Amino acid sequence: MTVRSYQRRLARRSKRCRTIAPARTSTVRDGPPYAPVWFKATQPNDERRGRLRPVYAEDPDSLIAIGHVVALELATIAAANNYRR
């Protein structure tokens, strides 16, 4: 995967996530309620998510991995928000 294709993919995912949950909150404490929404946005297909849930629900490594993905996306958005100021 090239850097450009990764950037396009991240932009599409970020756009999809922004329609579900705001990328910017007024305070840091307002962000945690949106965490489940971001996790859900990583696998938007309800049927597939339901089918995979028993697999990853018992595997802490999978949950930690998706947590890292979400944290990276939130950090990217936070950095972009600061660059725009």
PDB file of N, CA and C in Angstrom:
ATOM      1  N   MET A   1       0.845  -1.168   0.000  1.00  0.00           N
ATOM      2  CA  MET A   1       0.000   0.000   0.000  1.00  0.00           C
ATOM      3  C   MET A   1       0.897   1.240   0.000  1.00  0.00           C
ATOM      4  N   THR A   2       0.582   2.167  -0.856  1.00  0.00           N
ATOM      5  CA  THR A   2       1.364   3.396  -0.924  1.00  0.00           C
ATOM      6  C   THR A   2       0.862   4.389   0.116  1.00  0.00           C
ATOM      7  N   VAL A   3       1.655   5.386   0.378  1.00  0.00           N
ATOM      8  CA  VAL A   3       1.266   6.421   1.335  1.00  0.00           C
ATOM      9  C   VAL A   3       0.023   7.141   0.838  1.00  0.00           C
ATOM     10  N   ARG A   4      -0.004   7.442  -0.450  1.00  0.00           N
ATOM     11  CA  ARG A   4      -1.157   8.160  -1.005  1.00  0.00           C
ATOM     12  C   ARG A   4      -2.445   7.351  -0.865  1.00  0.00           C
ATOM     13  N   SER A   5      -2.394   6.055  -1.146  1.00  0.00           N
ATOM     14  CA  SER A   5      -3.607   5.239  -1.024  1.00  0.00           C
ATOM     15  C   SER A   5      -4.033   5.132   0.437  1.00  0.00           C
ATOM     16  N   TYR A   6      -3.052   5.058   1.352  1.00  0.00           N
ATOM     17  CA  TYR A   6      -3.390   5.021   2.774  1.00  0.00           C
ATOM     18  C   TYR A   6      -4.049   6.332   3.199  1.00  0.00           C
ATOM     19  N   GLN A   7      -3.543   7.460   2.713  1.00  0.00           N
ATOM     20  CA  GLN A   7      -4.130   8.752   3.057  1.00  0.00           C
ATOM     21  C   GLN A   7      -5.561   8.858   2.546  1.00  0.00           C
ATOM     22  N   ARG A   8      -5.805   8.373   1.335  1.00  0.00           N
ATOM     23  CA  ARG A   8      -7.176   8.391   0.798  1.00  0.00           C
ATOM     24  C   ARG A   8      -8.094   7.522   1.636  1.00  0.00           C
ATOM     25  N   ARG A   9      -7.600   6.341   1.994  1.00  0.00           N
ATOM     26  CA  ARG A   9      -8.401   5.420   2.806  1.00  0.00           C
ATOM     27  C   ARG A   9      -8.715   6.029   4.169  1.00  0.00           C
ATOM     28  N   LEU A  10      -7.721   6.648   4.792  1.00  0.00           N
ATOM     29  CA  LEU A  10      -7.920   7.284   6.086  1.00  0.00           C
ATOM     30  C   LEU A  10      -8.897   8.447   5.975  1.00  0.00           C
ATOM     31  N   ALA A  11      -8.816   9.206   4.884  1.00  0.00           N
ATOM     32  CA  ALA A  11      -9.735  10.326   4.684  1.00  0.00           C
ATOM     33  C   ALA A  11     -11.169   9.838   4.542  1.00  0.00           C
ATOM     34  N   ARG A  12     -11.376   8.744   3.801  1.00  0.00           N
ATOM     35  CA  ARG A  12     -12.733   8.196   3.665  1.00  0.00           C
ATOM     36  C   ARG A  12     -13.264   7.736   5.012  1.00  0.00           C
ATOM     37  N   ARG A  13     -12.429   7.027   5.768  1.00  0.00           N
ATOM     38  CA  ARG A  13     -12.858   6.529   7.074  1.00  0.00           C
ATOM     39  C   ARG A  13     -13.128   7.689   8.021  1.00  0.00           C
ATOM     40  N   SER A  14     -12.264   8.691   7.999  1.00  0.00           N
ATOM     41  CA  SER A  14     -12.438   9.848   8.865  1.00  0.00           C
ATOM     42  C   SER A  14     -13.725  10.587   8.520  1.00  0.00           C
ATOM     43  N   LYS A  15     -14.016  10.713   7.221  1.00  0.00           N
ATOM     44  CA  LYS A  15     -15.253  11.374   6.794  1.00  0.00           C
ATOM     45  C   LYS A  15     -16.465  10.599   7.286  1.00  0.00           C
ATOM     46  N   ARG A  16     -16.422   9.267   7.177  1.00  0.00           N
ATOM     47  CA  ARG A  16     -17.526   8.432   7.647  1.00  0.00           C
ATOM     48  C   ARG A  16     -17.699   8.586   9.153  1.00  0.00           C
ATOM     49  N   CYS A  17     -16.603   8.619   9.893  1.00  0.00           N
ATOM     50  CA  CYS A  17     -16.673   8.740  11.342  1.00  0.00           C
ATOM     51  C   CYS A  17     -17.190  10.107  11.763  1.00  0.00           C
ATOM     52  N   ARG A  18     -16.805  11.160  11.035  1.00  0.00           N
ATOM     53  CA  ARG A  18     -17.262  12.494  11.392  1.00  0.00           C
ATOM     54  C   ARG A  18     -18.764  12.645  11.234  1.00  0.00           C
ATOM     55  N   THR A  19     -19.372  11.862  10.347  1.00  0.00           N
ATOM     56  CA  THR A  19     -20.820  11.938  10.210  1.00  0.00           C
ATOM     57  C   THR A  19     -21.506  11.248  11.379  1.00  0.00           C
ATOM     58  N   ILE A  20     -20.800  10.357  12.065  1.00  0.00           N
ATOM     59  CA  ILE A  20     -21.362   9.629  13.201  1.00  0.00           C
ATOM     60  C   ILE A  20     -21.108  10.365  14.503  1.00  0.00           C
ATOM     61  N   ALA A  21     -19.898  10.844  14.705  1.00  0.00           N
ATOM     62  CA  ALA A  21     -19.508  11.531  15.934  1.00  0.00           C
ATOM     63  C   ALA A  21     -18.666  12.745  15.572  1.00  0.00           C
ATOM     64  N   PRO A  22     -18.823  13.823  16.324  1.00  0.00           N
ATOM     65  CA  PRO A  22     -18.046  15.018  16.009  1.00  0.00           C
ATOM     66  C   PRO A  22     -16.554  14.794  16.228  1.00  0.00           C
ATOM     67  N   ALA A  23     -15.748  15.375  15.376  1.00  0.00           N
ATOM     68  CA  ALA A  23     -14.297  15.237  15.506  1.00  0.00           C
ATOM     69  C   ALA A  23     -13.744  16.206  16.536  1.00  0.00           C
ATOM     70  N   ARG A  24     -14.498  17.217  16.864  1.00  0.00           N
ATOM     71  CA  ARG A  24     -14.030  18.210  17.825  1.00  0.00           C
ATOM     72  C   ARG A  24     -15.087  18.381  18.915  1.00  0.00           C
ATOM     73  N   THR A  25     -14.669  18.313  20.153  1.00  0.00           N
ATOM     74  CA  THR A  25     -15.568  18.546  21.281  1.00  0.00           C
ATOM     75  C   THR A  25     -15.094  19.791  22.005  1.00  0.00           C
ATOM     76  N   SER A  26     -15.974  20.381  22.816  1.00  0.00           N
ATOM     77  CA  SER A  26     -15.611  21.628  23.484  1.00  0.00           C
ATOM     78  C   SER A  26     -14.549  21.416  24.559  1.00  0.00           C
ATOM     79  N   THR A  27     -14.573  20.261  25.225  1.00  0.00           N
ATOM     80  CA  THR A  27     -13.555  19.949  26.229  1.00  0.00           C
ATOM     81  C   THR A  27     -13.091  18.513  26.045  1.00  0.00           C
ATOM     82  N   VAL A  28     -11.967  18.191  26.663  1.00  0.00           N
ATOM     83  CA  VAL A  28     -11.437  16.830  26.577  1.00  0.00           C
ATOM     84  C   VAL A  28     -12.395  15.838  27.222  1.00  0.00           C
ATOM     85  N   ARG A  29     -13.084  16.254  28.258  1.00  0.00           N
ATOM     86  CA  ARG A  29     -13.993  15.354  28.977  1.00  0.00           C
ATOM     87  C   ARG A  29     -15.242  15.001  28.172  1.00  0.00           C
ATOM     88  N   ASP A  30     -15.535  15.752  27.129  1.00  0.00           N
ATOM     89  CA  ASP A  30     -16.702  15.454  26.295  1.00  0.00           C
ATOM     90  C   ASP A  30     -16.442  14.310  25.321  1.00  0.00           C
ATOM     91  N   GLY A  31     -15.197  13.939  25.108  1.00  0.00           N
ATOM     92  CA  GLY A  31     -14.843  12.931  24.119  1.00  0.00           C
ATOM     93  C   GLY A  31     -15.178  11.498  24.460  1.00  0.00           C
ATOM     94  N   PRO A  32     -14.955  11.022  25.711  1.00  0.00           N
ATOM     95  CA  PRO A  32     -15.160   9.596  26.016  1.00  0.00           C
ATOM     96  C   PRO A  32     -16.515   9.008  25.643  1.00  0.00           C
ATOM     97  N   PRO A  33     -17.635   9.725  25.752  1.00  0.00           N
ATOM     98  CA  PRO A  33     -18.903   9.097  25.336  1.00  0.00           C
ATOM     99  C   PRO A  33     -18.934   8.712  23.856  1.00  0.00           C
ATOM    100  N   TYR A  34     -18.078   9.320  23.054  1.00  0.00           N
ATOM    101  CA  TYR A  34     -18.052   8.997  21.631  1.00  0.00           C
ATOM    102  C   TYR A  34     -17.189   7.783  21.311  1.00  0.00           C
ATOM    103  N   ALA A  35     -16.432   7.280  22.280  1.00  0.00           N
ATOM    104  CA  ALA A  35     -15.528   6.149  22.026  1.00  0.00           C
ATOM    105  C   ALA A  35     -16.249   4.936  21.441  1.00  0.00           C
ATOM    106  N   PRO A  36     -17.402   4.501  22.001  1.00  0.00           N
ATOM    107  CA  PRO A  36     -18.088   3.346  21.392  1.00  0.00           C
ATOM    108  C   PRO A  36     -18.516   3.608  19.952  1.00  0.00           C
ATOM    109  N   VAL A  37     -18.840   4.846  19.646  1.00  0.00           N
ATOM    110  CA  VAL A  37     -19.238   5.198  18.283  1.00  0.00           C
ATOM    111  C   VAL A  37     -18.054   5.033  17.339  1.00  0.00           C
ATOM    112  N   TRP A  38     -16.868   5.430  17.783  1.00  0.00           N
ATOM    113  CA  TRP A  38     -15.674   5.286  16.955  1.00  0.00           C
ATOM    114  C   TRP A  38     -15.335   3.820  16.763  1.00  0.00           C
ATOM    115  N   PHE A  39     -15.487   3.022  17.811  1.00  0.00           N
ATOM    116  CA  PHE A  39     -15.217   1.591  17.679  1.00  0.00           C
ATOM    117  C   PHE A  39     -16.179   0.975  16.663  1.00  0.00           C
ATOM    118  N   LYS A  40     -17.442   1.391  16.735  1.00  0.00           N
ATOM    119  CA  LYS A  40     -18.435   0.864  15.802  1.00  0.00           C
ATOM    120  C   LYS A  40     -18.119   1.296  14.367  1.00  0.00           C
ATOM    121  N   ALA A  41     -17.580   2.478  14.217  1.00  0.00           N
ATOM    122  CA  ALA A  41     -17.277   2.990  12.875  1.00  0.00           C
ATOM    123  C   ALA A  41     -16.162   2.205  12.196  1.00  0.00           C
ATOM    124  N   THR A  42     -15.332   1.511  12.971  1.00  0.00           N
ATOM    125  CA  THR A  42     -14.268   0.725  12.349  1.00  0.00           C
ATOM    126  C   THR A  42     -14.823  -0.485  11.607  1.00  0.00           C
ATOM    127  N   GLN A  43     -16.010  -0.953  12.004  1.00  0.00           N
ATOM    128  CA  GLN A  43     -16.679  -2.045  11.281  1.00  0.00           C
ATOM    129  C   GLN A  43     -18.150  -1.655  11.140  1.00  0.00           C
ATOM    130  N   PRO A  44     -18.497  -0.880  10.106  1.00  0.00           N
ATOM    131  CA  PRO A  44     -19.844  -0.342   9.974  1.00  0.00           C
ATOM    132  C   PRO A  44     -20.924  -1.367   9.613  1.00  0.00           C
ATOM    133  N   ASN A  45     -20.550  -2.533   9.131  1.00  0.00           N
ATOM    134  CA  ASN A  45     -21.529  -3.540   8.739  1.00  0.00           C
ATOM    135  C   ASN A  45     -22.042  -4.261   9.985  1.00  0.00           C
ATOM    136  N   ASP A  46     -23.321  -4.034  10.338  1.00  0.00           N
ATOM    137  CA  ASP A  46     -23.897  -4.614  11.557  1.00  0.00           C
ATOM    138  C   ASP A  46     -23.853  -6.138  11.554  1.00  0.00           C
ATOM    139  N   GLU A  47     -24.180  -6.729  10.422  1.00  0.00           N
ATOM    140  CA  GLU A  47     -24.208  -8.197  10.346  1.00  0.00           C
ATOM    141  C   GLU A  47     -22.812  -8.788  10.564  1.00  0.00           C
ATOM    142  N   ARG A  48     -21.841  -8.226   9.880  1.00  0.00           N
ATOM    143  CA  ARG A  48     -20.468  -8.725  10.021  1.00  0.00           C
ATOM    144  C   ARG A  48     -19.945  -8.488  11.442  1.00  0.00           C
ATOM    145  N   ARG A  49     -20.244  -7.323  12.001  1.00  0.00           N
ATOM    146  CA  ARG A  49     -19.806  -7.023  13.363  1.00  0.00           C
ATOM    147  C   ARG A  49     -20.420  -8.006  14.350  1.00  0.00           C
ATOM    148  N   GLY A  50     -21.693  -8.330  14.167  1.00  0.00           N
ATOM    149  CA  GLY A  50     -22.354  -9.304  15.034  1.00  0.00           C
ATOM    150  C   GLY A  50     -21.759 -10.696  14.903  1.00  0.00           C
ATOM    151  N   ARG A  51     -21.381 -11.057  13.694  1.00  0.00           N
ATOM    152  CA  ARG A  51     -20.786 -12.371  13.455  1.00  0.00           C
ATOM    153  C   ARG A  51     -19.379 -12.462  14.052  1.00  0.00           C
ATOM    154  N   LEU A  52     -18.636 -11.374  14.010  1.00  0.00           N
ATOM    155  CA  LEU A  52     -17.263 -11.374  14.512  1.00  0.00           C
ATOM    156  C   LEU A  52     -17.168 -11.117  16.014  1.00  0.00           C
ATOM    157  N   ARG A  53     -18.217 -10.576  16.582  1.00  0.00           N
ATOM    158  CA  ARG A  53     -18.160 -10.210  18.007  1.00  0.00           C
ATOM    159  C   ARG A  53     -17.742 -11.356  18.918  1.00  0.00           C
ATOM    160  N   PRO A  54     -18.303 -12.565  18.790  1.00  0.00           N
ATOM    161  CA  PRO A  54     -17.862 -13.647  19.680  1.00  0.00           C
ATOM    162  C   PRO A  54     -16.367 -13.948  19.557  1.00  0.00           C
ATOM    163  N   VAL A  55     -15.809 -13.712  18.395  1.00  0.00           N
ATOM    164  CA  VAL A  55     -14.383 -13.988  18.187  1.00  0.00           C
ATOM    165  C   VAL A  55     -13.528 -12.973  18.937  1.00  0.00           C
ATOM    166  N   TYR A  56     -13.801 -11.681  18.724  1.00  0.00           N
ATOM    167  CA  TYR A  56     -12.928 -10.679  19.334  1.00  0.00           C
ATOM    168  C   TYR A  56     -13.312 -10.329  20.764  1.00  0.00           C
ATOM    169  N   ALA A  57     -14.529 -10.657  21.191  1.00  0.00           N
ATOM    170  CA  ALA A  57     -14.944 -10.338  22.560  1.00  0.00           C
ATOM    171  C   ALA A  57     -14.128 -11.101  23.594  1.00  0.00           C
ATOM    172  N   GLU A  58     -13.666 -12.284  23.230  1.00  0.00           N
ATOM    173  CA  GLU A  58     -12.884 -13.106  24.156  1.00  0.00           C
ATOM    174  C   GLU A  58     -11.378 -12.963  23.944  1.00  0.00           C
ATOM    175  N   ASP A  59     -10.984 -12.139  22.999  1.00  0.00           N
ATOM    176  CA  ASP A  59      -9.565 -11.983  22.685  1.00  0.00           C
ATOM    177  C   ASP A  59      -9.110 -10.568  23.037  1.00  0.00           C
ATOM    178  N   PRO A  60      -8.450 -10.402  24.182  1.00  0.00           N
ATOM    179  CA  PRO A  60      -8.041  -9.051  24.581  1.00  0.00           C
ATOM    180  C   PRO A  60      -7.073  -8.398  23.596  1.00  0.00           C
ATOM    181  N   ASP A  61      -6.283  -9.194  22.896  1.00  0.00           N
ATOM    182  CA  ASP A  61      -5.357  -8.617  21.914  1.00  0.00           C
ATOM    183  C   ASP A  61      -6.107  -7.903  20.792  1.00  0.00           C
ATOM    184  N   SER A  62      -7.236  -8.467  20.371  1.00  0.00           N
ATOM    185  CA  SER A  62      -8.036  -7.826  19.320  1.00  0.00           C
ATOM    186  C   SER A  62      -8.611  -6.504  19.803  1.00  0.00           C
ATOM    187  N   LEU A  63      -9.105  -6.487  21.035  1.00  0.00           N
ATOM    188  CA  LEU A  63      -9.677  -5.255  21.576  1.00  0.00           C
ATOM    189  C   LEU A  63      -8.601  -4.186  21.755  1.00  0.00           C
ATOM    190  N   ILE A  64      -7.430  -4.599  22.193  1.00  0.00           N
ATOM    191  CA  ILE A  64      -6.330  -3.648  22.341  1.00  0.00           C
ATOM    192  C   ILE A  64      -5.912  -3.109  20.971  1.00  0.00           C
ATOM    193  N   ALA A  65      -5.877  -3.976  19.970  1.00  0.00           N
ATOM    194  CA  ALA A  65      -5.486  -3.548  18.620  1.00  0.00           C
ATOM    195  C   ALA A  65      -6.459  -2.512  18.064  1.00  0.00           C
ATOM    196  N   ILE A  66      -7.754  -2.742  18.213  1.00  0.00           N
ATOM    197  CA  ILE A  66      -8.719  -1.764  17.705  1.00  0.00           C
ATOM    198  C   ILE A  66      -8.642  -0.477  18.512  1.00  0.00           C
ATOM    199  N   GLY A  67      -8.321  -0.597  19.795  1.00  0.00           N
ATOM    200  CA  GLY A  67      -8.110   0.598  20.611  1.00  0.00           C
ATOM    201  C   GLY A  67      -6.962   1.444  20.080  1.00  0.00           C
ATOM    202  N   HIS A  68      -5.912   0.794  19.614  1.00  0.00           N
ATOM    203  CA  HIS A  68      -4.778   1.513  19.030  1.00  0.00           C
ATOM    204  C   HIS A  68      -5.183   2.204  17.731  1.00  0.00           C
ATOM    205  N   VAL A  69      -5.986   1.548  16.927  1.00  0.00           N
ATOM    206  CA  VAL A  69      -6.451   2.151  15.670  1.00  0.00           C
ATOM    207  C   VAL A  69      -7.279   3.394  15.960  1.00  0.00           C
ATOM    208  N   VAL A  70      -8.205   3.275  16.909  1.00  0.00           N
ATOM    209  CA  VAL A  70      -9.057   4.413  17.264  1.00  0.00           C
ATOM    210  C   VAL A  70      -8.207   5.545  17.837  1.00  0.00           C
ATOM    211  N   ALA A  71      -7.263   5.219  18.717  1.00  0.00           N
ATOM    212  CA  ALA A  71      -6.399   6.248  19.304  1.00  0.00           C
ATOM    213  C   ALA A  71      -5.589   6.967  18.227  1.00  0.00           C
ATOM    214  N   LEU A  72      -5.107   6.231  17.249  1.00  0.00           N
ATOM    215  CA  LEU A  72      -4.344   6.833  16.158  1.00  0.00           C
ATOM    216  C   LEU A  72      -5.214   7.782  15.341  1.00  0.00           C
ATOM    217  N   GLU A  73      -6.433   7.378  15.058  1.00  0.00           N
ATOM    218  CA  GLU A  73      -7.329   8.244  14.290  1.00  0.00           C
ATOM    219  C   GLU A  73      -7.679   9.504  15.073  1.00  0.00           C
ATOM    220  N   LEU A  74      -7.941   9.345  16.385  1.00  0.00           N
ATOM    221  CA  LEU A  74      -8.259  10.516  17.200  1.00  0.00           C
ATOM    222  C   LEU A  74      -7.054  11.448  17.307  1.00  0.00           C
ATOM    223  N   ALA A  75      -5.864  10.889  17.433  1.00  0.00           N
ATOM    224  CA  ALA A  75      -4.655  11.717  17.493  1.00  0.00           C
ATOM    225  C   ALA A  75      -4.438  12.453  16.175  1.00  0.00           C
ATOM    226  N   THR A  76      -4.725  11.790  15.065  1.00  0.00           N
ATOM    227  CA  THR A  76      -4.589  12.425  13.753  1.00  0.00           C
ATOM    228  C   THR A  76      -5.554  13.592  13.618  1.00  0.00           C
ATOM    229  N   ILE A  77      -6.785  13.386  14.052  1.00  0.00           N
ATOM    230  CA  ILE A  77      -7.788  14.455  13.983  1.00  0.00           C
ATOM    231  C   ILE A  77      -7.399  15.605  14.904  1.00  0.00           C
ATOM    232  N   ALA A  78      -6.920  15.282  16.109  1.00  0.00           N
ATOM    233  CA  ALA A  78      -6.498  16.328  17.047  1.00  0.00           C
ATOM    234  C   ALA A  78      -5.351  17.147  16.464  1.00  0.00           C
ATOM    235  N   ALA A  79      -4.400  16.480  15.848  1.00  0.00           N
ATOM    236  CA  ALA A  79      -3.276  17.191  15.230  1.00  0.00           C
ATOM    237  C   ALA A  79      -3.766  18.077  14.091  1.00  0.00           C
ATOM    238  N   ALA A  80      -4.676  17.572  13.298  1.00  0.00           N
ATOM    239  CA  ALA A  80      -5.213  18.362  12.185  1.00  0.00           C
ATOM    240  C   ALA A  80      -5.969  19.579  12.699  1.00  0.00           C
ATOM    241  N   ASN A  81      -6.710  19.420  13.780  1.00  0.00           N
ATOM    242  CA  ASN A  81      -7.439  20.556  14.349  1.00  0.00           C
ATOM    243  C   ASN A  81      -6.473  21.632  14.831  1.00  0.00           C
ATOM    244  N   ASN A  82      -5.366  21.243  15.425  1.00  0.00           N
ATOM    245  CA  ASN A  82      -4.392  22.232  15.894  1.00  0.00           C
ATOM    246  C   ASN A  82      -3.673  22.901  14.729  1.00  0.00           C
ATOM    247  N   TYR A  83      -3.449  22.175  13.644  1.00  0.00           N
ATOM    248  CA  TYR A  83      -2.778  22.762  12.490  1.00  0.00           C
ATOM    249  C   TYR A  83      -3.654  23.809  11.816  1.00  0.00           C
ATOM    250  N   ARG A  84      -4.945  23.675  11.925  1.00  0.00           N
ATOM    251  CA  ARG A  84      -5.862  24.606  11.270  1.00  0.00           C
ATOM    252  C   ARG A  84      -5.964  25.930  12.007  1.00  0.00           C
ATOM    253  N   ARG A  85      -5.567  25.961  13.252  1.00  0.00           N
ATOM    254  CA  ARG A  85      -5.726  27.199  14.043  1.00  0.00           C
ATOM    255  C   ARG A  85      -4.760  28.257  13.630  1.00  0.00           C
TER     256      ARG A  85
END
